[in-house]
Amino acid sequence: MFGAQKARIRIGSRGVTLLELLVALVIAGIVLSTGLPQWGRWMAERELRDRADALLHALDRARSEAVKRGSRVIVCPALAGTCPGTPAAWDGGWSIVAIPSAGAASIPIAQDVAPTQGVTVRGNRPVADYVSYTSLGYARRLDGALQMGTFTVCRPGHKLRKVILANSGRARIDETAEECP
């Protein structure tokens, strides 16, 4: 019964008119022009947040590896050349290396790649050149001194993020109301 009925095609409904197409393009243009600047800002904010998270996870991993291996593990800027090395900006990423015993060669664990341009990562004096974890998971400098400090993760025009290393060796992120310079 259904096969016997023929489908009727309306001759007047073959597409859209030029006027309808122009109205749709104008509406799409308005939506895009208001949405794209916010999209770009959201993406920049996301990159900043991802960079702070990556540093936090690197510090957590180094602490965990130090306890697991029963030896010192160091996180240092990738641009420093050697780990631990001279103070360098953390912008170019970082390396995680294990130092099994005194005089032994370091064992690379992980390396972070350089982030997107425009995001800066700086450590204050106690963490400017490296972060070192003992086999008990405490952050201590190579000379045995307590190591705690703050990394600032920044992008001009956005809110500053701080990765704070506590005296216990644990790290956390603090989202501040301060504007990046």
N, C-alpha and C. Protein backbone atom coordinates (compact mmCIF):
# COMPACT_ATOMS: atom_id res chain seq x y z
N MET A 1 0.81 -1.17 0.00
CA MET A 1 0.00 0.00 0.00
C MET A 1 0.87 1.25 0.00
N PHE A 2 1.96 1.19 0.76
CA PHE A 2 2.82 2.36 0.80
C PHE A 2 3.61 2.52 -0.48
N GLY A 3 3.92 1.43 -1.14
CA GLY A 3 4.68 1.48 -2.37
C GLY A 3 3.89 2.09 -3.52
N ALA A 4 2.60 2.05 -3.42
CA ALA A 4 1.77 2.56 -4.51
C ALA A 4 1.69 4.08 -4.50
N GLN A 5 1.92 4.69 -3.33
CA GLN A 5 1.84 6.14 -3.27
C GLN A 5 3.13 6.73 -3.81
N LYS A 6 2.97 7.74 -4.58
CA LYS A 6 4.13 8.42 -5.14
C LYS A 6 4.44 9.65 -4.29
N ALA A 7 5.74 9.89 -4.14
CA ALA A 7 6.16 11.06 -3.39
C ALA A 7 5.95 12.30 -4.24
N ARG A 8 5.43 13.31 -3.62
CA ARG A 8 5.21 14.57 -4.33
C ARG A 8 6.33 15.53 -3.99
N ILE A 9 6.88 16.13 -4.98
CA ILE A 9 7.94 17.10 -4.80
C ILE A 9 7.37 18.47 -5.05
N ARG A 10 7.60 19.35 -4.09
CA ARG A 10 7.16 20.74 -4.29
C ARG A 10 8.17 21.44 -5.15
N ILE A 11 7.73 22.03 -6.18
CA ILE A 11 8.61 22.70 -7.11
C ILE A 11 9.17 23.98 -6.51
N GLY A 12 8.47 24.64 -5.62
CA GLY A 12 8.91 25.92 -5.06
C GLY A 12 9.98 25.79 -3.99
N SER A 13 10.32 24.61 -3.50
CA SER A 13 11.28 24.48 -2.41
C SER A 13 12.58 23.84 -2.90
N ARG A 14 13.28 24.51 -3.75
CA ARG A 14 14.51 23.97 -4.32
C ARG A 14 15.78 24.47 -3.63
N GLY A 15 15.73 25.37 -2.69
CA GLY A 15 16.92 25.89 -2.04
C GLY A 15 16.61 27.16 -1.28
N VAL A 16 17.66 27.92 -0.98
CA VAL A 16 17.48 29.18 -0.27
C VAL A 16 17.65 30.34 -1.23
N THR A 17 17.02 31.41 -0.87
CA THR A 17 17.14 32.60 -1.72
C THR A 17 18.42 33.34 -1.39
N LEU A 18 18.81 34.22 -2.24
CA LEU A 18 20.01 35.01 -2.02
C LEU A 18 19.87 35.87 -0.77
N LEU A 19 18.70 36.39 -0.51
CA LEU A 19 18.46 37.20 0.68
C LEU A 19 18.64 36.37 1.95
N GLU A 20 18.11 35.16 1.98
CA GLU A 20 18.27 34.28 3.14
C GLU A 20 19.75 33.95 3.37
N LEU A 21 20.48 33.71 2.32
CA LEU A 21 21.90 33.41 2.42
C LEU A 21 22.68 34.60 2.98
N LEU A 22 22.37 35.80 2.51
CA LEU A 22 23.04 37.00 3.00
C LEU A 22 22.74 37.25 4.48
N VAL A 23 21.50 37.04 4.89
CA VAL A 23 21.14 37.22 6.31
C VAL A 23 21.90 36.22 7.17
N ALA A 24 21.99 34.97 6.72
CA ALA A 24 22.72 33.95 7.47
C ALA A 24 24.20 34.30 7.58
N LEU A 25 24.81 34.82 6.51
CA LEU A 25 26.21 35.21 6.54
C LEU A 25 26.46 36.39 7.47
N VAL A 26 25.54 37.35 7.50
CA VAL A 26 25.68 38.50 8.39
C VAL A 26 25.59 38.04 9.84
N ILE A 27 24.66 37.17 10.16
CA ILE A 27 24.52 36.65 11.53
C ILE A 27 25.77 35.88 11.92
N ALA A 28 26.28 35.03 11.02
CA ALA A 28 27.50 34.27 11.31
C ALA A 28 28.69 35.20 11.53
N GLY A 29 28.78 36.27 10.75
CA GLY A 29 29.86 37.24 10.91
C GLY A 29 29.81 37.95 12.25
N ILE A 30 28.61 38.31 12.69
CA ILE A 30 28.45 38.98 13.98
C ILE A 30 28.84 38.04 15.12
N VAL A 31 28.39 36.80 15.04
CA VAL A 31 28.72 35.82 16.08
C VAL A 31 30.23 35.60 16.15
N LEU A 32 30.88 35.44 15.01
CA LEU A 32 32.32 35.22 14.98
C LEU A 32 33.10 36.43 15.47
N SER A 33 32.67 37.61 15.10
CA SER A 33 33.41 38.81 15.50
C SER A 33 33.32 39.05 17.01
N THR A 34 32.26 38.63 17.65
CA THR A 34 32.16 38.79 19.10
C THR A 34 32.79 37.62 19.84
N GLY A 35 32.84 36.45 19.23
CA GLY A 35 33.34 35.26 19.92
C GLY A 35 34.83 35.01 19.80
N LEU A 36 35.46 35.43 18.71
CA LEU A 36 36.87 35.11 18.49
C LEU A 36 37.82 35.75 19.50
N PRO A 37 37.65 37.01 19.89
CA PRO A 37 38.57 37.56 20.91
C PRO A 37 38.50 36.79 22.24
N GLN A 38 37.29 36.42 22.66
CA GLN A 38 37.16 35.66 23.89
C GLN A 38 37.76 34.27 23.73
N TRP A 39 37.66 33.69 22.57
CA TRP A 39 38.23 32.37 22.31
C TRP A 39 39.76 32.44 22.44
N GLY A 40 40.36 33.47 21.85
CA GLY A 40 41.81 33.64 21.94
C GLY A 40 42.27 33.83 23.37
N ARG A 41 41.55 34.62 24.14
CA ARG A 41 41.89 34.84 25.55
C ARG A 41 41.74 33.55 26.34
N TRP A 42 40.71 32.79 26.07
CA TRP A 42 40.49 31.53 26.77
C TRP A 42 41.63 30.55 26.46
N MET A 43 42.07 30.49 25.20
CA MET A 43 43.16 29.60 24.82
C MET A 43 44.47 30.02 25.52
N ALA A 44 44.74 31.31 25.60
CA ALA A 44 45.95 31.79 26.27
C ALA A 44 45.90 31.47 27.76
N GLU A 45 44.73 31.62 28.35
CA GLU A 45 44.56 31.29 29.77
C GLU A 45 44.76 29.80 30.00
N ARG A 46 44.27 28.99 29.09
CA ARG A 46 44.43 27.53 29.17
C ARG A 46 45.90 27.12 29.09
N GLU A 47 46.66 27.76 28.20
CA GLU A 47 48.09 27.46 28.07
C GLU A 47 48.84 27.81 29.36
N LEU A 48 48.48 28.92 29.97
CA LEU A 48 49.09 29.33 31.23
C LEU A 48 48.78 28.32 32.34
N ARG A 49 47.54 27.92 32.42
CA ARG A 49 47.13 26.93 33.42
C ARG A 49 47.82 25.59 33.18
N ASP A 50 47.93 25.17 31.92
CA ASP A 50 48.59 23.91 31.59
C ASP A 50 50.06 23.92 31.98
N ARG A 51 50.72 25.08 31.81
CA ARG A 51 52.14 25.19 32.14
C ARG A 51 52.35 25.05 33.64
N ALA A 52 51.50 25.70 34.43
CA ALA A 52 51.60 25.58 35.89
C ALA A 52 51.33 24.13 36.32
N ASP A 53 50.33 23.49 35.71
CA ASP A 53 50.03 22.09 36.02
C ASP A 53 51.20 21.18 35.66
N ALA A 54 51.84 21.44 34.53
CA ALA A 54 52.97 20.60 34.10
C ALA A 54 54.12 20.69 35.09
N LEU A 55 54.41 21.89 35.59
CA LEU A 55 55.48 22.05 36.58
C LEU A 55 55.11 21.36 37.88
N LEU A 56 53.87 21.51 38.32
CA LEU A 56 53.42 20.83 39.54
C LEU A 56 53.56 19.33 39.41
N HIS A 57 53.15 18.77 38.27
CA HIS A 57 53.25 17.32 38.07
C HIS A 57 54.70 16.85 37.99
N ALA A 58 55.58 17.68 37.42
CA ALA A 58 57.00 17.32 37.38
C ALA A 58 57.58 17.25 38.79
N LEU A 59 57.23 18.21 39.63
CA LEU A 59 57.72 18.20 41.01
C LEU A 59 57.16 17.01 41.78
N ASP A 60 55.88 16.71 41.58
CA ASP A 60 55.28 15.55 42.24
C ASP A 60 55.94 14.25 41.77
N ARG A 61 56.22 14.16 40.48
CA ARG A 61 56.84 12.94 39.95
C ARG A 61 58.26 12.78 40.50
N ALA A 62 59.01 13.87 40.56
CA ALA A 62 60.36 13.80 41.09
C ALA A 62 60.36 13.34 42.54
N ARG A 63 59.44 13.85 43.32
CA ARG A 63 59.34 13.45 44.73
C ARG A 63 59.00 11.97 44.84
N SER A 64 58.05 11.53 44.04
CA SER A 64 57.67 10.13 44.04
C SER A 64 58.82 9.22 43.61
N GLU A 65 59.55 9.63 42.57
CA GLU A 65 60.70 8.84 42.09
C GLU A 65 61.80 8.76 43.15
N ALA A 66 62.01 9.85 43.89
CA ALA A 66 63.04 9.84 44.93
C ALA A 66 62.72 8.82 46.02
N VAL A 67 61.46 8.77 46.41
CA VAL A 67 61.04 7.82 47.43
C VAL A 67 61.11 6.40 46.88
N LYS A 68 60.64 6.20 45.66
CA LYS A 68 60.62 4.87 45.04
C LYS A 68 62.03 4.32 44.85
N ARG A 69 62.94 5.16 44.37
CA ARG A 69 64.31 4.72 44.09
C ARG A 69 65.20 4.70 45.33
N GLY A 70 64.80 5.42 46.35
CA GLY A 70 65.63 5.49 47.55
C GLY A 70 66.89 6.31 47.35
N SER A 71 66.84 7.25 46.42
CA SER A 71 68.00 8.10 46.14
C SER A 71 67.52 9.51 45.78
N ARG A 72 68.47 10.43 45.69
CA ARG A 72 68.16 11.81 45.37
C ARG A 72 67.70 11.94 43.91
N VAL A 73 66.65 12.77 43.72
CA VAL A 73 66.15 13.09 42.37
C VAL A 73 66.09 14.60 42.26
N ILE A 74 66.57 15.11 41.12
CA ILE A 74 66.68 16.56 40.92
C ILE A 74 65.85 16.98 39.71
N VAL A 75 65.18 18.13 39.85
CA VAL A 75 64.48 18.77 38.74
C VAL A 75 65.24 20.07 38.47
N CYS A 76 65.64 20.27 37.22
CA CYS A 76 66.37 21.50 36.90
C CYS A 76 65.95 22.03 35.53
N PRO A 77 66.20 23.31 35.26
CA PRO A 77 65.83 23.88 33.96
C PRO A 77 66.56 23.16 32.84
N ALA A 78 65.86 22.91 31.75
CA ALA A 78 66.46 22.20 30.62
C ALA A 78 67.55 23.04 29.97
N LEU A 79 67.46 24.35 30.05
CA LEU A 79 68.45 25.23 29.42
C LEU A 79 69.73 25.36 30.24
N ALA A 80 69.76 24.80 31.46
CA ALA A 80 70.94 24.94 32.31
C ALA A 80 72.11 24.14 31.77
N GLY A 81 71.87 23.12 30.96
CA GLY A 81 72.94 22.31 30.40
C GLY A 81 73.22 21.08 31.24
N THR A 82 73.61 21.28 32.49
CA THR A 82 73.82 20.15 33.39
C THR A 82 72.83 20.25 34.53
N CYS A 83 72.61 19.14 35.18
CA CYS A 83 71.62 19.12 36.25
C CYS A 83 72.30 18.61 37.51
N PRO A 84 72.43 19.34 38.59
CA PRO A 84 72.11 20.76 38.69
C PRO A 84 73.19 21.60 38.03
N GLY A 85 72.76 22.73 37.54
CA GLY A 85 73.68 23.59 36.81
C GLY A 85 73.59 25.01 37.31
N THR A 86 73.86 25.91 36.41
CA THR A 86 73.78 27.33 36.75
C THR A 86 72.32 27.76 36.72
N PRO A 87 71.97 28.79 37.47
CA PRO A 87 70.58 29.27 37.42
C PRO A 87 70.19 29.65 36.00
N ALA A 88 69.04 29.19 35.58
CA ALA A 88 68.53 29.48 34.23
C ALA A 88 67.02 29.62 34.33
N ALA A 89 66.46 30.26 33.33
CA ALA A 89 65.00 30.39 33.28
C ALA A 89 64.38 29.02 33.05
N TRP A 90 63.26 28.78 33.64
CA TRP A 90 62.55 27.51 33.51
C TRP A 90 61.64 27.54 32.29
N ASP A 91 61.69 28.61 31.49
CA ASP A 91 60.82 28.76 30.32
C ASP A 91 61.01 27.64 29.30
N GLY A 92 62.24 27.17 29.14
CA GLY A 92 62.55 26.18 28.12
C GLY A 92 62.24 24.76 28.53
N GLY A 93 61.53 24.57 29.62
CA GLY A 93 61.21 23.23 30.10
C GLY A 93 62.15 22.82 31.22
N TRP A 94 62.09 21.54 31.60
CA TRP A 94 62.90 21.06 32.71
C TRP A 94 63.22 19.58 32.52
N SER A 95 64.21 19.15 33.27
CA SER A 95 64.64 17.75 33.24
C SER A 95 64.52 17.18 34.63
N ILE A 96 64.20 15.90 34.71
CA ILE A 96 64.16 15.18 35.98
C ILE A 96 65.22 14.10 35.88
N VAL A 97 66.19 14.11 36.81
CA VAL A 97 67.26 13.12 36.81
C VAL A 97 67.42 12.54 38.20
N ALA A 98 67.81 11.27 38.24
CA ALA A 98 68.10 10.58 39.50
C ALA A 98 69.60 10.53 39.69
N ILE A 99 70.04 10.73 40.93
CA ILE A 99 71.45 10.61 41.26
C ILE A 99 71.56 9.46 42.25
N PRO A 100 71.94 8.26 41.78
CA PRO A 100 71.90 7.07 42.63
C PRO A 100 72.80 7.14 43.86
N SER A 101 74.03 7.60 43.73
CA SER A 101 74.92 7.71 44.87
C SER A 101 75.99 8.75 44.55
N ALA A 102 76.78 9.10 45.54
CA ALA A 102 77.81 10.11 45.34
C ALA A 102 78.81 9.63 44.29
N GLY A 103 79.06 10.48 43.32
CA GLY A 103 80.04 10.16 42.28
C GLY A 103 79.48 9.35 41.13
N ALA A 104 78.26 8.83 41.23
CA ALA A 104 77.67 8.03 40.15
C ALA A 104 77.07 8.95 39.10
N ALA A 105 76.96 8.43 37.89
CA ALA A 105 76.37 9.21 36.80
C ALA A 105 74.87 9.37 37.02
N SER A 106 74.34 10.51 36.62
CA SER A 106 72.91 10.75 36.78
C SER A 106 72.12 9.95 35.75
N ILE A 107 70.91 9.57 36.13
CA ILE A 107 70.02 8.78 35.27
C ILE A 107 68.84 9.66 34.87
N PRO A 108 68.67 9.95 33.57
CA PRO A 108 67.52 10.77 33.16
C PRO A 108 66.21 10.01 33.38
N ILE A 109 65.24 10.70 33.92
CA ILE A 109 63.92 10.11 34.16
C ILE A 109 62.91 10.67 33.16
N ALA A 110 62.86 11.98 33.05
CA ALA A 110 61.90 12.62 32.15
C ALA A 110 62.41 13.99 31.76
N GLN A 111 61.88 14.49 30.66
CA GLN A 111 62.22 15.83 30.21
C GLN A 111 60.97 16.49 29.67
N ASP A 112 60.81 17.75 29.97
CA ASP A 112 59.67 18.51 29.49
C ASP A 112 60.10 19.35 28.31
N VAL A 113 59.25 19.45 27.33
CA VAL A 113 59.57 20.25 26.14
C VAL A 113 59.26 21.72 26.40
N ALA A 114 59.83 22.55 25.58
CA ALA A 114 59.62 24.00 25.71
C ALA A 114 58.15 24.34 25.49
N PRO A 115 57.59 25.23 26.28
CA PRO A 115 56.19 25.60 26.15
C PRO A 115 55.95 26.56 25.00
N THR A 116 54.73 26.93 24.89
CA THR A 116 54.36 27.93 23.89
C THR A 116 55.02 29.26 24.22
N GLN A 117 55.26 30.04 23.20
CA GLN A 117 55.88 31.35 23.40
C GLN A 117 54.97 32.25 24.22
N GLY A 118 55.57 33.09 25.03
CA GLY A 118 54.81 34.07 25.79
C GLY A 118 54.58 33.68 27.23
N VAL A 119 54.77 32.42 27.61
CA VAL A 119 54.60 31.98 28.99
C VAL A 119 55.98 31.95 29.64
N THR A 120 56.13 32.66 30.76
CA THR A 120 57.40 32.66 31.48
C THR A 120 57.26 31.88 32.78
N VAL A 121 58.32 31.18 33.15
CA VAL A 121 58.36 30.43 34.41
C VAL A 121 59.66 30.83 35.10
N ARG A 122 59.54 31.41 36.29
CA ARG A 122 60.71 31.85 37.04
C ARG A 122 60.62 31.31 38.47
N GLY A 123 61.77 30.92 39.00
CA GLY A 123 61.84 30.47 40.39
C GLY A 123 62.55 31.51 41.22
N ASN A 124 62.11 31.71 42.47
CA ASN A 124 62.83 32.63 43.34
C ASN A 124 64.13 31.97 43.79
N ARG A 125 64.95 32.63 44.55
CA ARG A 125 66.32 32.19 44.82
C ARG A 125 66.45 30.73 45.29
N PRO A 126 65.66 30.24 46.22
CA PRO A 126 65.87 28.85 46.66
C PRO A 126 65.61 27.81 45.57
N VAL A 127 64.81 28.14 44.57
CA VAL A 127 64.49 27.17 43.51
C VAL A 127 64.88 27.68 42.12
N ALA A 128 65.75 28.68 42.07
CA ALA A 128 66.11 29.28 40.78
C ALA A 128 66.92 28.33 39.91
N ASP A 129 67.76 27.50 40.52
CA ASP A 129 68.64 26.66 39.73
C ASP A 129 68.25 25.18 39.72
N TYR A 130 67.60 24.68 40.76
CA TYR A 130 67.15 23.29 40.79
C TYR A 130 66.24 23.05 41.99
N VAL A 131 65.54 21.93 41.96
CA VAL A 131 64.79 21.42 43.12
C VAL A 131 65.27 20.00 43.32
N SER A 132 65.67 19.69 44.54
CA SER A 132 66.24 18.38 44.84
C SER A 132 65.42 17.70 45.94
N TYR A 133 65.08 16.43 45.69
CA TYR A 133 64.34 15.64 46.68
C TYR A 133 65.22 14.54 47.23
N THR A 134 65.13 14.32 48.54
CA THR A 134 65.87 13.24 49.18
C THR A 134 65.07 11.95 49.05
N SER A 135 65.66 10.86 49.49
CA SER A 135 64.98 9.56 49.42
C SER A 135 63.75 9.50 50.33
N LEU A 136 63.61 10.44 51.23
CA LEU A 136 62.43 10.50 52.09
C LEU A 136 61.35 11.42 51.54
N GLY A 137 61.62 12.05 50.39
CA GLY A 137 60.64 12.92 49.75
C GLY A 137 60.69 14.36 50.19
N TYR A 138 61.71 14.74 50.96
CA TYR A 138 61.85 16.13 51.40
C TYR A 138 62.65 16.92 50.37
N ALA A 139 62.28 18.18 50.20
CA ALA A 139 63.04 19.05 49.31
C ALA A 139 64.20 19.64 50.10
N ARG A 140 65.40 19.26 49.70
CA ARG A 140 66.61 19.73 50.35
C ARG A 140 67.65 20.06 49.29
N ARG A 141 68.38 21.13 49.51
CA ARG A 141 69.46 21.49 48.60
C ARG A 141 70.57 20.44 48.72
N LEU A 142 71.48 20.43 47.78
CA LEU A 142 72.55 19.44 47.78
C LEU A 142 73.45 19.57 49.00
N ASP A 143 73.51 20.77 49.61
CA ASP A 143 74.32 20.94 50.82
C ASP A 143 73.53 20.58 52.08
N GLY A 144 72.28 20.11 51.92
CA GLY A 144 71.46 19.67 53.05
C GLY A 144 70.50 20.73 53.57
N ALA A 145 70.60 21.95 53.10
CA ALA A 145 69.74 23.03 53.57
C ALA A 145 68.30 22.81 53.10
N LEU A 146 67.38 23.30 53.89
CA LEU A 146 65.96 23.25 53.56
C LEU A 146 65.71 23.98 52.24
N GLN A 147 64.88 23.39 51.38
CA GLN A 147 64.60 24.03 50.09
C GLN A 147 63.09 24.19 49.94
N MET A 148 62.67 25.43 49.93
CA MET A 148 61.28 25.74 49.63
C MET A 148 61.27 27.08 48.91
N GLY A 149 60.30 27.26 48.02
CA GLY A 149 60.29 28.49 47.25
C GLY A 149 59.06 28.58 46.37
N THR A 150 59.07 29.55 45.49
CA THR A 150 57.91 29.82 44.65
C THR A 150 58.33 30.01 43.20
N PHE A 151 57.63 29.33 42.32
CA PHE A 151 57.77 29.54 40.88
C PHE A 151 56.61 30.44 40.45
N THR A 152 56.90 31.43 39.62
CA THR A 152 55.83 32.25 39.06
C THR A 152 55.66 31.89 37.59
N VAL A 153 54.43 31.59 37.23
CA VAL A 153 54.08 31.24 35.85
C VAL A 153 53.22 32.39 35.35
N CYS A 154 53.69 33.03 34.28
CA CYS A 154 53.08 34.30 33.89
C CYS A 154 52.96 34.44 32.38
N ARG A 155 51.95 35.19 31.98
CA ARG A 155 51.77 35.60 30.58
C ARG A 155 51.19 37.02 30.64
N PRO A 156 51.80 37.97 29.93
CA PRO A 156 51.33 39.36 30.01
C PRO A 156 49.83 39.49 29.74
N GLY A 157 49.17 40.25 30.63
CA GLY A 157 47.74 40.48 30.48
C GLY A 157 46.86 39.44 31.16
N HIS A 158 47.47 38.48 31.87
CA HIS A 158 46.70 37.43 32.54
C HIS A 158 47.03 37.42 34.03
N LYS A 159 46.28 36.65 34.78
CA LYS A 159 46.51 36.51 36.22
C LYS A 159 47.74 35.62 36.46
N LEU A 160 48.56 36.02 37.41
CA LEU A 160 49.77 35.31 37.78
C LEU A 160 49.41 34.01 38.50
N ARG A 161 50.11 32.94 38.19
CA ARG A 161 49.95 31.67 38.90
C ARG A 161 51.26 31.36 39.61
N LYS A 162 51.16 30.84 40.81
CA LYS A 162 52.34 30.47 41.58
C LYS A 162 52.32 28.97 41.85
N VAL A 163 53.45 28.33 41.64
CA VAL A 163 53.63 26.95 42.05
C VAL A 163 54.53 27.03 43.29
N ILE A 164 53.97 26.67 44.43
CA ILE A 164 54.64 26.86 45.71
C ILE A 164 55.15 25.52 46.23
N LEU A 165 56.47 25.47 46.50
CA LEU A 165 57.10 24.28 47.06
C LEU A 165 57.21 24.48 48.56
N ALA A 166 56.53 23.63 49.33
CA ALA A 166 56.51 23.74 50.79
C ALA A 166 57.74 23.06 51.40
N ASN A 167 57.96 23.29 52.70
CA ASN A 167 59.12 22.70 53.36
C ASN A 167 59.02 21.18 53.47
N SER A 168 57.84 20.62 53.31
CA SER A 168 57.67 19.16 53.36
C SER A 168 58.03 18.50 52.02
N GLY A 169 58.19 19.32 50.98
CA GLY A 169 58.47 18.78 49.65
C GLY A 169 57.25 18.76 48.75
N ARG A 170 56.08 18.98 49.32
CA ARG A 170 54.85 19.00 48.53
C ARG A 170 54.72 20.34 47.81
N ALA A 171 54.11 20.28 46.63
CA ALA A 171 53.92 21.49 45.83
C ALA A 171 52.42 21.70 45.61
N ARG A 172 52.05 22.96 45.41
CA ARG A 172 50.65 23.30 45.14
C ARG A 172 50.62 24.51 44.22
N ILE A 173 49.46 24.73 43.60
CA ILE A 173 49.28 25.89 42.73
C ILE A 173 48.40 26.91 43.44
N ASP A 174 48.82 28.16 43.35
CA ASP A 174 48.06 29.26 43.92
C ASP A 174 47.69 30.21 42.77
N GLU A 175 46.40 30.37 42.52
CA GLU A 175 45.93 31.30 41.49
C GLU A 175 45.71 32.64 42.17
N THR A 176 46.47 33.62 41.77
CA THR A 176 46.43 34.92 42.43
C THR A 176 45.54 35.91 41.66
N ALA A 177 45.31 37.03 42.28
CA ALA A 177 44.58 38.12 41.61
C ALA A 177 45.55 39.11 40.96
N GLU A 178 46.85 38.87 41.12
CA GLU A 178 47.87 39.75 40.57
C GLU A 178 47.92 39.61 39.05
N GLU A 179 48.09 40.74 38.38
CA GLU A 179 48.25 40.74 36.93
C GLU A 179 49.72 40.51 36.58
N CYS A 180 49.97 39.76 35.54
CA CYS A 180 51.33 39.58 35.06
C CYS A 180 51.83 40.88 34.44
N PRO A 181 53.11 41.19 34.62
CA PRO A 181 53.63 42.43 34.03
C PRO A 181 53.73 42.34 32.52
